Amino acid sequence: MQNAGIEQITSSPEAYARYLDMQGDNPTYSVGNIALVMVALPRPGCLAPVTAGEP
């Protein structure tokens, strides 16, 4: 699924712009994680960090 997200990012100027917006809003996330989110959630906003020990 990560490869699909990277293909999506690199094949469309609009998807690349959306990726840059998402990466800017979520600087602690890796390129791969942002790619996965783009495939799984077509219009996500800012993502919440996941920390150990939270329910």
Protein backbone atom coordinates (compact mmCIF):
# COMPACT_ATOMS: atom_id res chain seq x y z
CA MET A 1 0.00 0.00 0.00
CA GLN A 2 2.95 2.32 0.68
CA ASN A 3 4.16 1.86 -2.92
CA ALA A 4 0.71 2.84 -4.19
CA GLY A 5 0.89 6.04 -2.17
CA ILE A 6 4.34 6.89 -3.51
CA GLU A 7 3.18 6.22 -7.07
CA GLN A 8 0.20 8.49 -6.45
CA ILE A 9 2.43 11.26 -5.08
CA THR A 10 4.86 11.10 -8.00
CA SER A 11 2.30 10.79 -10.80
CA SER A 12 0.13 13.83 -10.11
CA PRO A 13 1.10 17.45 -9.43
CA GLU A 14 -2.04 17.83 -7.29
CA ALA A 15 -1.15 14.76 -5.22
CA TYR A 16 2.41 16.04 -4.79
CA ALA A 17 1.10 19.40 -3.57
CA ARG A 18 -1.21 17.60 -1.14
CA TYR A 19 1.73 15.47 0.04
CA LEU A 20 3.81 18.62 0.67
CA ASP A 21 0.94 20.15 2.65
CA MET A 22 0.53 16.99 4.72
CA GLN A 23 4.27 16.64 5.32
CA GLY A 24 4.43 20.28 6.39
CA ASP A 25 1.56 19.76 8.84
CA ASN A 26 3.08 16.52 10.17
CA PRO A 27 6.88 16.96 10.19
CA THR A 28 7.55 14.01 12.49
CA TYR A 29 5.99 11.51 10.04
CA SER A 30 8.11 9.73 7.45
CA VAL A 31 7.51 9.91 3.70
CA GLY A 32 6.23 6.34 3.85
CA ASN A 33 3.78 7.08 6.63
CA ILE A 34 2.39 10.09 4.78
CA ALA A 35 2.07 7.94 1.63
CA LEU A 36 0.13 5.31 3.58
CA VAL A 37 -2.20 7.93 5.03
CA MET A 38 -2.81 9.42 1.58
CA VAL A 39 -3.97 6.02 0.30
CA ALA A 40 -6.00 5.09 3.37
CA LEU A 41 -7.60 8.49 4.04
CA PRO A 42 -8.11 10.56 0.89
CA ARG A 43 -8.69 13.89 2.72
CA PRO A 44 -7.03 13.76 6.16
CA GLY A 45 -6.02 16.86 8.05
CA CYS A 46 -3.38 17.08 10.72
CA LEU A 47 -2.53 13.69 12.17
CA ALA A 48 -2.20 13.05 15.90
CA PRO A 49 1.09 11.55 17.07
CA VAL A 50 1.01 8.04 18.44
CA THR A 51 2.81 7.66 21.77
CA ALA A 52 3.51 4.55 23.77
CA GLY A 53 1.33 3.95 26.77
CA GLU A 54 -1.74 5.85 25.63
CA PRO A 55 -5.01 3.89 25.57
